[in-house]
Amino acid sequence: MKTYNQFLSESKRVKSLPSSMVRDYKKRASSEIKGGGSIDINSRIPTISITMSNGEKYFFQEHEAQKLLDEVPDNIDPEDFILAQAQNW
């Protein structure tokens, strides 16, 4: 099975993830939220505010936020995808 990074190297934007990866990302995001993490996405400006369960915080706005949103595959919620990805930053 390919990793997400392998998918990214094959194309600029992955249109959809395999169902097993979607389940994994949702599980990771859910665990982060249960541990006290959160994510807030405002797509109008856009802005993304992330607080990790360990207290680390990230904030993206305008072009940086839009770049993150553009990377989200079609078959997963942006909140789940970005929060799961943030665990590796």
PDB file of N, CA and C in Angstrom:
ATOM      1  N   MET A   1       0.845  -1.168   0.000  1.00  0.00           N
ATOM      2  CA  MET A   1       0.000   0.000   0.000  1.00  0.00           C
ATOM      3  C   MET A   1       0.898   1.241   0.000  1.00  0.00           C
ATOM      4  N   LYS A   2       0.510   2.240  -0.754  1.00  0.00           N
ATOM      5  CA  LYS A   2       1.266   3.480  -0.859  1.00  0.00           C
ATOM      6  C   LYS A   2       0.973   4.395   0.318  1.00  0.00           C
ATOM      7  N   THR A   3       1.995   5.148   0.716  1.00  0.00           N
ATOM      8  CA  THR A   3       1.786   6.157   1.747  1.00  0.00           C
ATOM      9  C   THR A   3       1.261   7.426   1.094  1.00  0.00           C
ATOM     10  N   TYR A   4       0.765   8.326   1.919  1.00  0.00           N
ATOM     11  CA  TYR A   4       0.260   9.594   1.394  1.00  0.00           C
ATOM     12  C   TYR A   4       1.376  10.359   0.693  1.00  0.00           C
ATOM     13  N   ASN A   5       2.583  10.352   1.253  1.00  0.00           N
ATOM     14  CA  ASN A   5       3.705  11.069   0.618  1.00  0.00           C
ATOM     15  C   ASN A   5       4.029  10.490  -0.750  1.00  0.00           C
ATOM     16  N   GLN A   6       3.876   9.196  -0.910  1.00  0.00           N
ATOM     17  CA  GLN A   6       4.088   8.596  -2.225  1.00  0.00           C
ATOM     18  C   GLN A   6       3.024   9.069  -3.209  1.00  0.00           C
ATOM     19  N   PHE A   7       1.779   9.182  -2.737  1.00  0.00           N
ATOM     20  CA  PHE A   7       0.716   9.715  -3.585  1.00  0.00           C
ATOM     21  C   PHE A   7       1.034  11.147  -3.996  1.00  0.00           C
ATOM     22  N   LEU A   8       1.508  11.955  -3.046  1.00  0.00           N
ATOM     23  CA  LEU A   8       1.826  13.350  -3.350  1.00  0.00           C
ATOM     24  C   LEU A   8       2.934  13.462  -4.385  1.00  0.00           C
ATOM     25  N   SER A   9       3.925  12.572  -4.299  1.00  0.00           N
ATOM     26  CA  SER A   9       5.014  12.655  -5.252  1.00  0.00           C
ATOM     27  C   SER A   9       4.561  12.305  -6.672  1.00  0.00           C
ATOM     28  N   GLU A  10       3.482  11.539  -6.774  1.00  0.00           N
ATOM     29  CA  GLU A  10       2.973  11.162  -8.084  1.00  0.00           C
ATOM     30  C   GLU A  10       2.114  12.253  -8.717  1.00  0.00           C
ATOM     31  N   SER A  11       1.470  13.063  -7.904  1.00  0.00           N
ATOM     32  CA  SER A  11       0.656  14.150  -8.430  1.00  0.00           C
ATOM     33  C   SER A  11       0.645  15.283  -7.427  1.00  0.00           C
ATOM     34  N   LYS A  12       0.396  16.471  -7.900  1.00  0.00           N
ATOM     35  CA  LYS A  12       0.403  17.630  -7.015  1.00  0.00           C
ATOM     36  C   LYS A  12      -0.699  17.530  -5.974  1.00  0.00           C
ATOM     37  N   ARG A  13      -1.857  17.085  -6.362  1.00  0.00           N
ATOM     38  CA  ARG A  13      -2.982  16.965  -5.439  1.00  0.00           C
ATOM     39  C   ARG A  13      -3.652  15.616  -5.620  1.00  0.00           C
ATOM     40  N   VAL A  14      -3.791  14.923  -4.512  1.00  0.00           N
ATOM     41  CA  VAL A  14      -4.464  13.642  -4.526  1.00  0.00           C
ATOM     42  C   VAL A  14      -5.962  13.905  -4.535  1.00  0.00           C
ATOM     43  N   LYS A  15      -6.662  13.313  -5.497  1.00  0.00           N
ATOM     44  CA  LYS A  15      -8.106  13.531  -5.576  1.00  0.00           C
ATOM     45  C   LYS A  15      -8.849  12.750  -4.516  1.00  0.00           C
ATOM     46  N   SER A  16      -8.377  11.560  -4.203  1.00  0.00           N
ATOM     47  CA  SER A  16      -9.005  10.777  -3.144  1.00  0.00           C
ATOM     48  C   SER A  16      -7.974   9.817  -2.557  1.00  0.00           C
ATOM     49  N   LEU A  17      -8.191   9.493  -1.298  1.00  0.00           N
ATOM     50  CA  LEU A  17      -7.324   8.562  -0.596  1.00  0.00           C
ATOM     51  C   LEU A  17      -7.979   7.190  -0.557  1.00  0.00           C
ATOM     52  N   PRO A  18      -7.187   6.134  -0.445  1.00  0.00           N
ATOM     53  CA  PRO A  18      -7.782   4.812  -0.231  1.00  0.00           C
ATOM     54  C   PRO A  18      -8.574   4.826   1.079  1.00  0.00           C
ATOM     55  N   SER A  19      -9.609   4.030   1.157  1.00  0.00           N
ATOM     56  CA  SER A  19     -10.488   4.036   2.328  1.00  0.00           C
ATOM     57  C   SER A  19      -9.731   3.715   3.615  1.00  0.00           C
ATOM     58  N   SER A  20      -8.722   2.877   3.540  1.00  0.00           N
ATOM     59  CA  SER A  20      -7.943   2.557   4.747  1.00  0.00           C
ATOM     60  C   SER A  20      -7.204   3.785   5.270  1.00  0.00           C
ATOM     61  N   MET A  21      -6.727   4.637   4.375  1.00  0.00           N
ATOM     62  CA  MET A  21      -6.041   5.859   4.800  1.00  0.00           C
ATOM     63  C   MET A  21      -7.028   6.872   5.367  1.00  0.00           C
ATOM     64  N   VAL A  22      -8.220   6.936   4.789  1.00  0.00           N
ATOM     65  CA  VAL A  22      -9.250   7.839   5.316  1.00  0.00           C
ATOM     66  C   VAL A  22      -9.581   7.436   6.751  1.00  0.00           C
ATOM     67  N   ARG A  23      -9.768   6.137   6.983  1.00  0.00           N
ATOM     68  CA  ARG A  23     -10.053   5.652   8.337  1.00  0.00           C
ATOM     69  C   ARG A  23      -8.909   5.999   9.293  1.00  0.00           C
ATOM     70  N   ASP A  24      -7.680   5.818   8.848  1.00  0.00           N
ATOM     71  CA  ASP A  24      -6.515   6.121   9.679  1.00  0.00           C
ATOM     72  C   ASP A  24      -6.457   7.610  10.016  1.00  0.00           C
ATOM     73  N   TYR A  25      -6.655   8.471   9.041  1.00  0.00           N
ATOM     74  CA  TYR A  25      -6.611   9.917   9.279  1.00  0.00           C
ATOM     75  C   TYR A  25      -7.727  10.344  10.226  1.00  0.00           C
ATOM     76  N   LYS A  26      -8.921   9.786  10.051  1.00  0.00           N
ATOM     77  CA  LYS A  26     -10.038  10.126  10.945  1.00  0.00           C
ATOM     78  C   LYS A  26      -9.750   9.671  12.370  1.00  0.00           C
ATOM     79  N   LYS A  27      -9.175   8.491  12.516  1.00  0.00           N
ATOM     80  CA  LYS A  27      -8.830   7.965  13.832  1.00  0.00           C
ATOM     81  C   LYS A  27      -7.771   8.848  14.496  1.00  0.00           C
ATOM     82  N   ARG A  28      -6.762   9.245  13.745  1.00  0.00           N
ATOM     83  CA  ARG A  28      -5.706  10.101  14.277  1.00  0.00           C
ATOM     84  C   ARG A  28      -6.260  11.461  14.696  1.00  0.00           C
ATOM     85  N   ALA A  29      -7.119  12.039  13.872  1.00  0.00           N
ATOM     86  CA  ALA A  29      -7.709  13.343  14.200  1.00  0.00           C
ATOM     87  C   ALA A  29      -8.600  13.220  15.437  1.00  0.00           C
ATOM     88  N   SER A  30      -9.385  12.172  15.518  1.00  0.00           N
ATOM     89  CA  SER A  30     -10.256  11.952  16.664  1.00  0.00           C
ATOM     90  C   SER A  30      -9.440  11.801  17.948  1.00  0.00           C
ATOM     91  N   SER A  31      -8.353  11.072  17.883  1.00  0.00           N
ATOM     92  CA  SER A  31      -7.486  10.901  19.047  1.00  0.00           C
ATOM     93  C   SER A  31      -6.884  12.228  19.483  1.00  0.00           C
ATOM     94  N   GLU A  32      -6.513  13.046  18.521  1.00  0.00           N
ATOM     95  CA  GLU A  32      -5.946  14.363  18.827  1.00  0.00           C
ATOM     96  C   GLU A  32      -6.991  15.235  19.531  1.00  0.00           C
ATOM     97  N   ILE A  33      -8.214  15.206  19.063  1.00  0.00           N
ATOM     98  CA  ILE A  33      -9.284  15.997  19.672  1.00  0.00           C
ATOM     99  C   ILE A  33      -9.590  15.483  21.082  1.00  0.00           C
ATOM    100  N   LYS A  34      -9.650  14.163  21.247  1.00  0.00           N
ATOM    101  CA  LYS A  34      -9.896  13.589  22.571  1.00  0.00           C
ATOM    102  C   LYS A  34      -8.797  13.969  23.560  1.00  0.00           C
ATOM    103  N   GLY A  35      -7.587  14.199  23.044  1.00  0.00           N
ATOM    104  CA  GLY A  35      -6.465  14.588  23.888  1.00  0.00           C
ATOM    105  C   GLY A  35      -6.408  16.078  24.169  1.00  0.00           C
ATOM    106  N   GLY A  36      -7.353  16.838  23.620  1.00  0.00           N
ATOM    107  CA  GLY A  36      -7.394  18.274  23.868  1.00  0.00           C
ATOM    108  C   GLY A  36      -7.047  19.140  22.673  1.00  0.00           C
ATOM    109  N   GLY A  37      -6.750  18.536  21.552  1.00  0.00           N
ATOM    110  CA  GLY A  37      -6.433  19.294  20.341  1.00  0.00           C
ATOM    111  C   GLY A  37      -7.684  19.841  19.680  1.00  0.00           C
ATOM    112  N   SER A  38      -7.485  20.821  18.794  1.00  0.00           N
ATOM    113  CA  SER A  38      -8.626  21.394  18.066  1.00  0.00           C
ATOM    114  C   SER A  38      -8.151  22.001  16.758  1.00  0.00           C
ATOM    115  N   ILE A  39      -9.113  22.211  15.870  1.00  0.00           N
ATOM    116  CA  ILE A  39      -8.833  22.869  14.598  1.00  0.00           C
ATOM    117  C   ILE A  39     -10.044  23.712  14.230  1.00  0.00           C
ATOM    118  N   ASP A  40      -9.771  24.904  13.735  1.00  0.00           N
ATOM    119  CA  ASP A  40     -10.831  25.799  13.285  1.00  0.00           C
ATOM    120  C   ASP A  40     -10.455  26.287  11.892  1.00  0.00           C
ATOM    121  N   ILE A  41     -11.326  26.037  10.931  1.00  0.00           N
ATOM    122  CA  ILE A  41     -11.088  26.458   9.551  1.00  0.00           C
ATOM    123  C   ILE A  41     -12.153  27.465   9.154  1.00  0.00           C
ATOM    124  N   ASN A  42     -11.711  28.620   8.717  1.00  0.00           N
ATOM    125  CA  ASN A  42     -12.605  29.636   8.152  1.00  0.00           C
ATOM    126  C   ASN A  42     -12.238  29.720   6.678  1.00  0.00           C
ATOM    127  N   SER A  43     -13.075  29.206   5.824  1.00  0.00           N
ATOM    128  CA  SER A  43     -12.738  29.140   4.400  1.00  0.00           C
ATOM    129  C   SER A  43     -13.012  30.440   3.654  1.00  0.00           C
ATOM    130  N   ARG A  44     -13.650  31.409   4.290  1.00  0.00           N
ATOM    131  CA  ARG A  44     -13.920  32.677   3.603  1.00  0.00           C
ATOM    132  C   ARG A  44     -12.663  33.531   3.477  1.00  0.00           C
ATOM    133  N   ILE A  45     -11.809  33.557   4.500  1.00  0.00           N
ATOM    134  CA  ILE A  45     -10.656  34.465   4.486  1.00  0.00           C
ATOM    135  C   ILE A  45      -9.485  33.895   3.680  1.00  0.00           C
ATOM    136  N   PRO A  46      -9.025  32.738   3.711  1.00  0.00           N
ATOM    137  CA  PRO A  46      -9.188  31.655   4.658  1.00  0.00           C
ATOM    138  C   PRO A  46      -8.159  31.730   5.796  1.00  0.00           C
ATOM    139  N   THR A  47      -8.519  31.098   6.913  1.00  0.00           N
ATOM    140  CA  THR A  47      -7.600  30.927   8.036  1.00  0.00           C
ATOM    141  C   THR A  47      -7.759  29.514   8.594  1.00  0.00           C
ATOM    142  N   ILE A  48      -6.674  29.011   9.155  1.00  0.00           N
ATOM    143  CA  ILE A  48      -6.687  27.714   9.826  1.00  0.00           C
ATOM    144  C   ILE A  48      -5.942  27.891  11.143  1.00  0.00           C
ATOM    145  N   SER A  49      -6.606  27.563  12.228  1.00  0.00           N
ATOM    146  CA  SER A  49      -6.007  27.634  13.557  1.00  0.00           C
ATOM    147  C   SER A  49      -6.004  26.235  14.150  1.00  0.00           C
ATOM    148  N   ILE A  50      -4.827  25.773  14.551  1.00  0.00           N
ATOM    149  CA  ILE A  50      -4.676  24.414  15.075  1.00  0.00           C
ATOM    150  C   ILE A  50      -4.031  24.484  16.451  1.00  0.00           C
ATOM    151  N   THR A  51      -4.612  23.772  17.393  1.00  0.00           N
ATOM    152  CA  THR A  51      -4.001  23.577  18.700  1.00  0.00           C
ATOM    153  C   THR A  51      -3.841  22.078  18.890  1.00  0.00           C
ATOM    154  N   MET A  52      -2.617  21.650  19.077  1.00  0.00           N
ATOM    155  CA  MET A  52      -2.339  20.234  19.262  1.00  0.00           C
ATOM    156  C   MET A  52      -2.529  19.859  20.731  1.00  0.00           C
ATOM    157  N   SER A  53      -2.735  18.582  20.996  1.00  0.00           N
ATOM    158  CA  SER A  53      -2.961  18.116  22.360  1.00  0.00           C
ATOM    159  C   SER A  53      -1.755  18.356  23.263  1.00  0.00           C
ATOM    160  N   ASN A  54      -0.578  18.518  22.688  1.00  0.00           N
ATOM    161  CA  ASN A  54       0.617  18.790  23.487  1.00  0.00           C
ATOM    162  C   ASN A  54       0.832  20.285  23.721  1.00  0.00           C
ATOM    163  N   GLY A  55      -0.096  21.115  23.248  1.00  0.00           N
ATOM    164  CA  GLY A  55      -0.014  22.555  23.467  1.00  0.00           C
ATOM    165  C   GLY A  55       0.567  23.352  22.314  1.00  0.00           C
ATOM    166  N   GLU A  56       1.164  22.689  21.333  1.00  0.00           N
ATOM    167  CA  GLU A  56       1.693  23.404  20.168  1.00  0.00           C
ATOM    168  C   GLU A  56       0.541  24.036  19.406  1.00  0.00           C
ATOM    169  N   LYS A  57       0.792  25.236  18.875  1.00  0.00           N
ATOM    170  CA  LYS A  57      -0.245  25.946  18.119  1.00  0.00           C
ATOM    171  C   LYS A  57       0.304  26.356  16.762  1.00  0.00           C
ATOM    172  N   TYR A  58      -0.578  26.303  15.765  1.00  0.00           N
ATOM    173  CA  TYR A  58      -0.251  26.705  14.398  1.00  0.00           C
ATOM    174  C   TYR A  58      -1.363  27.606  13.891  1.00  0.00           C
ATOM    175  N   PHE A  59      -0.979  28.611  13.118  1.00  0.00           N
ATOM    176  CA  PHE A  59      -1.969  29.501  12.519  1.00  0.00           C
ATOM    177  C   PHE A  59      -1.531  29.814  11.096  1.00  0.00           C
ATOM    178  N   PHE A  60      -2.447  29.623  10.165  1.00  0.00           N
ATOM    179  CA  PHE A  60      -2.189  29.906   8.753  1.00  0.00           C
ATOM    180  C   PHE A  60      -3.289  30.828   8.249  1.00  0.00           C
ATOM    181  N   GLN A  61      -2.928  31.753   7.393  1.00  0.00           N
ATOM    182  CA  GLN A  61      -3.941  32.632   6.815  1.00  0.00           C
ATOM    183  C   GLN A  61      -3.646  32.867   5.344  1.00  0.00           C
ATOM    184  N   GLU A  62      -4.677  33.293   4.653  1.00  0.00           N
ATOM    185  CA  GLU A  62      -4.643  33.631   3.234  1.00  0.00           C
ATOM    186  C   GLU A  62      -3.954  32.557   2.407  1.00  0.00           C
ATOM    187  N   HIS A  63      -2.846  32.872   1.761  1.00  0.00           N
ATOM    188  CA  HIS A  63      -2.220  31.954   0.803  1.00  0.00           C
ATOM    189  C   HIS A  63      -1.734  30.660   1.464  1.00  0.00           C
ATOM    190  N   GLU A  64      -1.168  30.775   2.662  1.00  0.00           N
ATOM    191  CA  GLU A  64      -0.704  29.569   3.357  1.00  0.00           C
ATOM    192  C   GLU A  64      -1.871  28.650   3.705  1.00  0.00           C
ATOM    193  N   ALA A  65      -2.952  29.225   4.192  1.00  0.00           N
ATOM    194  CA  ALA A  65      -4.135  28.430   4.527  1.00  0.00           C
ATOM    195  C   ALA A  65      -4.740  27.809   3.273  1.00  0.00           C
ATOM    196  N   GLN A  66      -4.818  28.575   2.208  1.00  0.00           N
ATOM    197  CA  GLN A  66      -5.392  28.060   0.974  1.00  0.00           C
ATOM    198  C   GLN A  66      -4.556  26.924   0.410  1.00  0.00           C
ATOM    199  N   LYS A  67      -3.246  27.018   0.544  1.00  0.00           N
ATOM    200  CA  LYS A  67      -2.371  25.948   0.070  1.00  0.00           C
ATOM    201  C   LYS A  67      -2.659  24.647   0.827  1.00  0.00           C
ATOM    202  N   LEU A  68      -2.839  24.751   2.144  1.00  0.00           N
ATOM    203  CA  LEU A  68      -3.189  23.561   2.921  1.00  0.00           C
ATOM    204  C   LEU A  68      -4.541  23.000   2.500  1.00  0.00           C
ATOM    205  N   LEU A  69      -5.519  23.868   2.316  1.00  0.00           N
ATOM    206  CA  LEU A  69      -6.854  23.424   1.904  1.00  0.00           C
ATOM    207  C   LEU A  69      -6.836  22.786   0.522  1.00  0.00           C
ATOM    208  N   ASP A  70      -5.995  23.285  -0.362  1.00  0.00           N
ATOM    209  CA  ASP A  70      -5.892  22.722  -1.710  1.00  0.00           C
ATOM    210  C   ASP A  70      -5.317  21.308  -1.704  1.00  0.00           C
ATOM    211  N   GLU A  71      -4.583  20.949  -0.667  1.00  0.00           N
ATOM    212  CA  GLU A  71      -3.975  19.623  -0.580  1.00  0.00           C
ATOM    213  C   GLU A  71      -4.928  18.561  -0.043  1.00  0.00           C
ATOM    214  N   VAL A  72      -6.077  18.984   0.464  1.00  0.00           N
ATOM    215  CA  VAL A  72      -7.024  18.037   1.064  1.00  0.00           C
ATOM    216  C   VAL A  72      -7.708  17.210  -0.028  1.00  0.00           C
ATOM    217  N   PRO A  73      -7.608  15.879   0.060  1.00  0.00           N
ATOM    218  CA  PRO A  73      -8.296  15.026  -0.906  1.00  0.00           C
ATOM    219  C   PRO A  73      -9.814  15.203  -0.799  1.00  0.00           C
ATOM    220  N   ASP A  74     -10.509  14.859  -1.861  1.00  0.00           N
ATOM    221  CA  ASP A  74     -11.957  15.051  -1.941  1.00  0.00           C
ATOM    222  C   ASP A  74     -12.757  14.168  -0.990  1.00  0.00           C
ATOM    223  N   ASN A  75     -12.209  13.041  -0.585  1.00  0.00           N
ATOM    224  CA  ASN A  75     -13.009  12.082   0.179  1.00  0.00           C
ATOM    225  C   ASN A  75     -12.721  12.085   1.688  1.00  0.00           C
ATOM    226  N   ILE A  76     -12.250  13.218   2.214  1.00  0.00           N
ATOM    227  CA  ILE A  76     -12.016  13.336   3.652  1.00  0.00           C
ATOM    228  C   ILE A  76     -12.302  14.769   4.084  1.00  0.00           C
ATOM    229  N   ASP A  77     -12.803  14.928   5.306  1.00  0.00           N
ATOM    230  CA  ASP A  77     -13.059  16.266   5.831  1.00  0.00           C
ATOM    231  C   ASP A  77     -11.740  17.010   6.004  1.00  0.00           C
ATOM    232  N   PRO A  78     -11.697  18.275   5.623  1.00  0.00           N
ATOM    233  CA  PRO A  78     -10.464  19.052   5.777  1.00  0.00           C
ATOM    234  C   PRO A  78      -9.953  19.069   7.222  1.00  0.00           C
ATOM    235  N   GLU A  79     -10.855  19.150   8.195  1.00  0.00           N
ATOM    236  CA  GLU A  79     -10.440  19.171   9.594  1.00  0.00           C
ATOM    237  C   GLU A  79      -9.696  17.891   9.963  1.00  0.00           C
ATOM    238  N   ASP A  80     -10.245  16.748   9.583  1.00  0.00           N
ATOM    239  CA  ASP A  80      -9.596  15.470   9.886  1.00  0.00           C
ATOM    240  C   ASP A  80      -8.246  15.361   9.198  1.00  0.00           C
ATOM    241  N   PHE A  81      -8.198  15.710   7.939  1.00  0.00           N
ATOM    242  CA  PHE A  81      -6.972  15.571   7.165  1.00  0.00           C
ATOM    243  C   PHE A  81      -5.865  16.465   7.717  1.00  0.00           C
ATOM    244  N   ILE A  82      -6.164  17.734   7.914  1.00  0.00           N
ATOM    245  CA  ILE A  82      -5.127  18.686   8.345  1.00  0.00           C
ATOM    246  C   ILE A  82      -4.703  18.415   9.771  1.00  0.00           C
ATOM    247  N   LEU A  83      -5.630  18.075  10.656  1.00  0.00           N
ATOM    248  CA  LEU A  83      -5.265  17.781  12.037  1.00  0.00           C
ATOM    249  C   LEU A  83      -4.397  16.533  12.122  1.00  0.00           C
ATOM    250  N   ALA A  84      -4.703  15.516  11.354  1.00  0.00           N
ATOM    251  CA  ALA A  84      -3.877  14.299  11.336  1.00  0.00           C
ATOM    252  C   ALA A  84      -2.492  14.608  10.763  1.00  0.00           C
ATOM    253  N   GLN A  85      -2.432  15.407   9.710  1.00  0.00           N
ATOM    254  CA  GLN A  85      -1.146  15.791   9.132  1.00  0.00           C
ATOM    255  C   GLN A  85      -0.309  16.591  10.119  1.00  0.00           C
ATOM    256  N   ALA A  86      -0.944  17.441  10.897  1.00  0.00           N
ATOM    257  CA  ALA A  86      -0.237  18.317  11.845  1.00  0.00           C
ATOM    258  C   ALA A  86       0.495  17.508  12.916  1.00  0.00           C
ATOM    259  N   GLN A  87       0.110  16.287  13.141  1.00  0.00           N
ATOM    260  CA  GLN A  87       0.793  15.457  14.133  1.00  0.00           C
ATOM    261  C   GLN A  87       2.242  15.189  13.738  1.00  0.00           C
ATOM    262  N   ASN A  88       2.569  15.351  12.487  1.00  0.00           N
ATOM    263  CA  ASN A  88       3.930  15.086  12.002  1.00  0.00           C
ATOM    264  C   ASN A  88       4.737  16.350  11.722  1.00  0.00           C
ATOM    265  N   TRP A  89       4.218  17.499  12.086  1.00  0.00           N
ATOM    266  CA  TRP A  89       4.953  18.746  11.810  1.00  0.00           C
ATOM    267  C   TRP A  89       6.004  18.985  12.854  1.00  0.00           C
TER     268      TRP A  89
END
